[in-house]
Amino acid sequence: MALYGLVRSQRERLLFELSQVFCWDCGWAVTVYEDRQSPRDLPTSAWGAMLADVAARQYYAVVMFQSAPGLDEYCKQYDTHVAVISPDTSSHVPAGGWRRVKVGR
């Protein structure tokens, strides 16, 4: 599994860390890819490295807490699934509560 996050704020840091916990709770071994600014603004990025690894067919799935236009179509050509997860960060739900998991295809 690949876990990608664009982490630019405290909220996104929390969502990224909760996404990592979700993967561990599911028993998935993950490779973490993290960018702290838009991949378009970087000469090299974790996003680009992840896409290259997907093209090399290294992963069954990519897990993210943000959606990325066109990622599902890109991954589809390499038989890789995309899962966009939405952690529930409200105070009345225990850590690890999840609102939804949307899996491409």
C-alpha atoms as a PDB file:
ATOM      1  CA  MET A   1       0.000   0.000   0.000  1.00  0.00           C
ATOM      2  CA  ALA A   2       1.028   3.546  -0.672  1.00  0.00           C
ATOM      3  CA  LEU A   3      -0.186   6.301   1.664  1.00  0.00           C
ATOM      4  CA  TYR A   4       0.032   9.830   0.265  1.00  0.00           C
ATOM      5  CA  GLY A   5      -0.697  13.133   1.952  1.00  0.00           C
ATOM      6  CA  LEU A   6      -0.286  16.784   1.082  1.00  0.00           C
ATOM      7  CA  VAL A   7       0.244  18.157   4.589  1.00  0.00           C
ATOM      8  CA  ARG A   8       0.241  21.957   4.858  1.00  0.00           C
ATOM      9  CA  SER A   9      -1.693  22.601   8.086  1.00  0.00           C
ATOM     10  CA  GLN A  10      -2.255  21.188  11.566  1.00  0.00           C
ATOM     11  CA  ARG A  11      -5.625  19.770  10.435  1.00  0.00           C
ATOM     12  CA  GLU A  12      -4.036  18.020   7.455  1.00  0.00           C
ATOM     13  CA  ARG A  13      -1.281  16.671   9.762  1.00  0.00           C
ATOM     14  CA  LEU A  14      -3.974  15.172  12.004  1.00  0.00           C
ATOM     15  CA  LEU A  15      -5.841  13.682   9.032  1.00  0.00           C
ATOM     16  CA  PHE A  16      -2.611  12.221   7.635  1.00  0.00           C
ATOM     17  CA  GLU A  17      -1.681  10.672  10.978  1.00  0.00           C
ATOM     18  CA  LEU A  18      -5.196   9.253  11.408  1.00  0.00           C
ATOM     19  CA  SER A  19      -4.959   7.809   7.902  1.00  0.00           C
ATOM     20  CA  GLN A  20      -1.724   6.101   8.886  1.00  0.00           C
ATOM     21  CA  VAL A  21      -3.368   4.648  12.013  1.00  0.00           C
ATOM     22  CA  PHE A  22      -6.297   3.436   9.904  1.00  0.00           C
ATOM     23  CA  CYS A  23      -3.887   1.570   7.609  1.00  0.00           C
ATOM     24  CA  TRP A  24      -2.064   0.016  10.558  1.00  0.00           C
ATOM     25  CA  ASP A  25      -5.382  -0.989  12.183  1.00  0.00           C
ATOM     26  CA  CYS A  26      -6.306  -2.743   8.938  1.00  0.00           C
ATOM     27  CA  GLY A  27      -3.003  -4.621   9.080  1.00  0.00           C
ATOM     28  CA  TRP A  28      -1.668  -2.997   5.924  1.00  0.00           C
ATOM     29  CA  ALA A  29       2.035  -2.431   5.402  1.00  0.00           C
ATOM     30  CA  VAL A  30       2.319   1.075   3.974  1.00  0.00           C
ATOM     31  CA  THR A  31       4.949   3.168   2.300  1.00  0.00           C
ATOM     32  CA  VAL A  32       4.402   6.792   3.311  1.00  0.00           C
ATOM     33  CA  TYR A  33       4.660   9.622   0.778  1.00  0.00           C
ATOM     34  CA  GLU A  34       4.285  13.133   2.171  1.00  0.00           C
ATOM     35  CA  ASP A  35       4.577  16.564   0.583  1.00  0.00           C
ATOM     36  CA  ARG A  36       4.483  19.784   2.605  1.00  0.00           C
ATOM     37  CA  GLN A  37       3.768  22.036  -0.343  1.00  0.00           C
ATOM     38  CA  SER A  38       2.088  21.571  -3.686  1.00  0.00           C
ATOM     39  CA  PRO A  39       3.966  19.038  -5.818  1.00  0.00           C
ATOM     40  CA  ARG A  40       3.687  21.516  -8.710  1.00  0.00           C
ATOM     41  CA  ASP A  41       5.949  23.890  -6.759  1.00  0.00           C
ATOM     42  CA  LEU A  42       8.711  21.330  -6.220  1.00  0.00           C
ATOM     43  CA  PRO A  43      11.451  20.068  -8.553  1.00  0.00           C
ATOM     44  CA  THR A  44      11.016  16.621  -6.984  1.00  0.00           C
ATOM     45  CA  SER A  45       8.085  15.529  -4.872  1.00  0.00           C
ATOM     46  CA  ALA A  46       6.718  12.590  -2.960  1.00  0.00           C
ATOM     47  CA  TRP A  47       3.724  12.740  -5.337  1.00  0.00           C
ATOM     48  CA  GLY A  48       5.976  12.194  -8.353  1.00  0.00           C
ATOM     49  CA  ALA A  49       7.843   9.388  -6.605  1.00  0.00           C
ATOM     50  CA  MET A  50       4.567   7.688  -5.679  1.00  0.00           C
ATOM     51  CA  LEU A  51       3.259   7.935  -9.250  1.00  0.00           C
ATOM     52  CA  ALA A  52       6.500   6.403 -10.533  1.00  0.00           C
ATOM     53  CA  ASP A  53       6.177   3.546  -8.034  1.00  0.00           C
ATOM     54  CA  VAL A  54       2.549   2.988  -9.081  1.00  0.00           C
ATOM     55  CA  ALA A  55       3.710   2.840 -12.717  1.00  0.00           C
ATOM     56  CA  ALA A  56       6.294   0.252 -11.620  1.00  0.00           C
ATOM     57  CA  ARG A  57       3.338  -1.735 -10.209  1.00  0.00           C
ATOM     58  CA  GLN A  58       4.681  -1.725  -6.663  1.00  0.00           C
ATOM     59  CA  TYR A  59       1.289  -1.272  -4.977  1.00  0.00           C
ATOM     60  CA  TYR A  60      -2.116  -2.879  -4.849  1.00  0.00           C
ATOM     61  CA  ALA A  61      -3.662   0.404  -3.686  1.00  0.00           C
ATOM     62  CA  VAL A  62      -3.044   4.065  -2.928  1.00  0.00           C
ATOM     63  CA  VAL A  63      -4.653   5.458   0.239  1.00  0.00           C
ATOM     64  CA  MET A  64      -5.294   9.186   0.692  1.00  0.00           C
ATOM     65  CA  PHE A  65      -7.377  11.490   2.876  1.00  0.00           C
ATOM     66  CA  GLN A  66      -7.732  13.978  -0.005  1.00  0.00           C
ATOM     67  CA  SER A  67      -9.078  13.267  -3.449  1.00  0.00           C
ATOM     68  CA  ALA A  68      -6.862  13.907  -6.456  1.00  0.00           C
ATOM     69  CA  PRO A  69      -8.479  14.493  -9.858  1.00  0.00           C
ATOM     70  CA  GLY A  70      -7.324  11.933 -12.398  1.00  0.00           C
ATOM     71  CA  LEU A  71      -5.576   9.651  -9.902  1.00  0.00           C
ATOM     72  CA  ASP A  72      -8.087   6.824 -10.251  1.00  0.00           C
ATOM     73  CA  GLU A  73      -7.708   6.800 -14.037  1.00  0.00           C
ATOM     74  CA  TYR A  74      -3.906   6.880 -13.729  1.00  0.00           C
ATOM     75  CA  CYS A  75      -3.850   4.028 -11.227  1.00  0.00           C
ATOM     76  CA  LYS A  76      -6.383   1.981 -13.176  1.00  0.00           C
ATOM     77  CA  GLN A  77      -3.940   1.506 -16.040  1.00  0.00           C
ATOM     78  CA  TYR A  78      -1.521  -0.132 -13.572  1.00  0.00           C
ATOM     79  CA  ASP A  79      -4.148  -2.303 -11.821  1.00  0.00           C
ATOM     80  CA  THR A  80      -3.867  -0.205  -8.666  1.00  0.00           C
ATOM     81  CA  HIS A  81      -6.882   0.827  -6.591  1.00  0.00           C
ATOM     82  CA  VAL A  82      -7.431   4.208  -4.946  1.00  0.00           C
ATOM     83  CA  ALA A  83      -9.001   4.582  -1.504  1.00  0.00           C
ATOM     84  CA  VAL A  84      -9.973   8.035  -0.224  1.00  0.00           C
ATOM     85  CA  ILE A  85     -10.667   7.820   3.488  1.00  0.00           C
ATOM     86  CA  SER A  86     -12.411  10.372   5.662  1.00  0.00           C
ATOM     87  CA  PRO A  87     -11.491  10.179   9.322  1.00  0.00           C
ATOM     88  CA  ASP A  88     -14.065  11.442  11.792  1.00  0.00           C
ATOM     89  CA  THR A  89     -12.255  14.061  13.867  1.00  0.00           C
ATOM     90  CA  SER A  90     -15.259  15.172  15.923  1.00  0.00           C
ATOM     91  CA  SER A  91     -14.645  15.128  19.671  1.00  0.00           C
ATOM     92  CA  HIS A  92     -17.528  12.781  20.499  1.00  0.00           C
ATOM     93  CA  VAL A  93     -16.202   9.921  18.366  1.00  0.00           C
ATOM     94  CA  PRO A  94     -13.236   7.915  19.684  1.00  0.00           C
ATOM     95  CA  ALA A  95      -9.995   8.107  17.723  1.00  0.00           C
ATOM     96  CA  GLY A  96     -10.089   5.611  14.903  1.00  0.00           C
ATOM     97  CA  GLY A  97     -13.761   6.260  14.055  1.00  0.00           C
ATOM     98  CA  TRP A  98     -14.221   6.597  10.308  1.00  0.00           C
ATOM     99  CA  ARG A  99     -17.039   8.217   8.405  1.00  0.00           C
ATOM    100  CA  ARG A 100     -16.439   6.702   5.009  1.00  0.00           C
ATOM    101  CA  VAL A 101     -14.000   4.912   2.800  1.00  0.00           C
ATOM    102  CA  LYS A 102     -14.413   5.433  -0.933  1.00  0.00           C
ATOM    103  CA  VAL A 103     -12.570   2.929  -3.064  1.00  0.00           C
ATOM    104  CA  GLY A 104     -12.128   3.534  -6.761  1.00  0.00           C
ATOM    105  CA  ARG A 105     -13.521   0.847  -9.053  1.00  0.00           C
END
